[in-house]
């Protein structure tokens, strides 16, 4: 589960936004902790 978050953040850093979005959405499907949910949710909002 955490691997999807780490991969998504790495892809985002490298500029691969479409792939980052997919990984981060997959991470969110595992119902992460509240803090992560808010942070990743905000990142995903900017990628739409």
C-alpha atoms as a PDB file:
ATOM      1  CA  UNK A   1       0.000   0.000   0.000  1.00  0.00           C
ATOM      2  CA  UNK A   2       2.677   2.528   0.974  1.00  0.00           C
ATOM      3  CA  UNK A   3       4.531   1.648  -2.224  1.00  0.00           C
ATOM      4  CA  UNK A   4       1.761   3.289  -4.272  1.00  0.00           C
ATOM      5  CA  UNK A   5       2.212   6.512  -2.311  1.00  0.00           C
ATOM      6  CA  UNK A   6       5.990   6.497  -2.695  1.00  0.00           C
ATOM      7  CA  UNK A   7       5.781   5.659  -6.390  1.00  0.00           C
ATOM      8  CA  UNK A   8       3.175   8.351  -6.968  1.00  0.00           C
ATOM      9  CA  UNK A   9       5.252  10.990  -5.216  1.00  0.00           C
ATOM     10  CA  UNK A  10       8.368  10.000  -7.173  1.00  0.00           C
ATOM     11  CA  UNK A  11       6.490  10.088 -10.474  1.00  0.00           C
ATOM     12  CA  UNK A  12       5.050  13.476  -9.583  1.00  0.00           C
ATOM     13  CA  UNK A  13       8.518  14.811  -8.771  1.00  0.00           C
ATOM     14  CA  UNK A  14       9.782  13.560 -12.137  1.00  0.00           C
ATOM     15  CA  UNK A  15       6.886  15.224 -13.982  1.00  0.00           C
ATOM     16  CA  UNK A  16       4.924  12.086 -14.885  1.00  0.00           C
ATOM     17  CA  UNK A  17       1.601  13.442 -13.682  1.00  0.00           C
ATOM     18  CA  UNK A  18      -0.733  10.922 -15.335  1.00  0.00           C
ATOM     19  CA  UNK A  19       1.134   7.970 -13.873  1.00  0.00           C
ATOM     20  CA  UNK A  20       1.472   9.723 -10.509  1.00  0.00           C
ATOM     21  CA  UNK A  21      -2.268  10.300 -10.403  1.00  0.00           C
ATOM     22  CA  UNK A  22      -2.961   6.606 -11.025  1.00  0.00           C
ATOM     23  CA  UNK A  23      -0.589   5.500  -8.260  1.00  0.00           C
ATOM     24  CA  UNK A  24      -1.923   8.025  -5.772  1.00  0.00           C
ATOM     25  CA  UNK A  25      -5.528   7.096  -6.569  1.00  0.00           C
ATOM     26  CA  UNK A  26      -4.644   3.443  -5.982  1.00  0.00           C
ATOM     27  CA  UNK A  27      -3.078   4.410  -2.651  1.00  0.00           C
ATOM     28  CA  UNK A  28      -6.254   6.267  -1.684  1.00  0.00           C
ATOM     29  CA  UNK A  29      -8.309   3.143  -2.414  1.00  0.00           C
ATOM     30  CA  UNK A  30      -6.628   1.501   0.608  1.00  0.00           C
ATOM     31  CA  UNK A  31      -8.163   4.103   2.954  1.00  0.00           C
ATOM     32  CA  UNK A  32      -4.949   5.670   4.290  1.00  0.00           C
ATOM     33  CA  UNK A  33      -4.521   7.519   7.587  1.00  0.00           C
ATOM     34  CA  UNK A  34      -6.373  10.805   7.921  1.00  0.00           C
ATOM     35  CA  UNK A  35      -3.254  12.964   7.524  1.00  0.00           C
ATOM     36  CA  UNK A  36      -2.203  11.174   4.344  1.00  0.00           C
ATOM     37  CA  UNK A  37      -5.753  11.190   3.037  1.00  0.00           C
ATOM     38  CA  UNK A  38      -5.927  14.981   3.289  1.00  0.00           C
ATOM     39  CA  UNK A  39      -2.465  15.545   1.797  1.00  0.00           C
ATOM     40  CA  UNK A  40      -2.893  13.120  -1.122  1.00  0.00           C
ATOM     41  CA  UNK A  41      -6.432  14.356  -1.694  1.00  0.00           C
ATOM     42  CA  UNK A  42      -5.122  17.906  -2.093  1.00  0.00           C
ATOM     43  CA  UNK A  43      -2.428  16.734  -4.502  1.00  0.00           C
ATOM     44  CA  UNK A  44      -4.983  14.842  -6.582  1.00  0.00           C
ATOM     45  CA  UNK A  45      -7.191  17.947  -6.774  1.00  0.00           C
ATOM     46  CA  UNK A  46      -4.332  19.824  -8.422  1.00  0.00           C
ATOM     47  CA  UNK A  47      -3.826  17.022 -10.964  1.00  0.00           C
ATOM     48  CA  UNK A  48      -7.388  17.048 -12.301  1.00  0.00           C
END
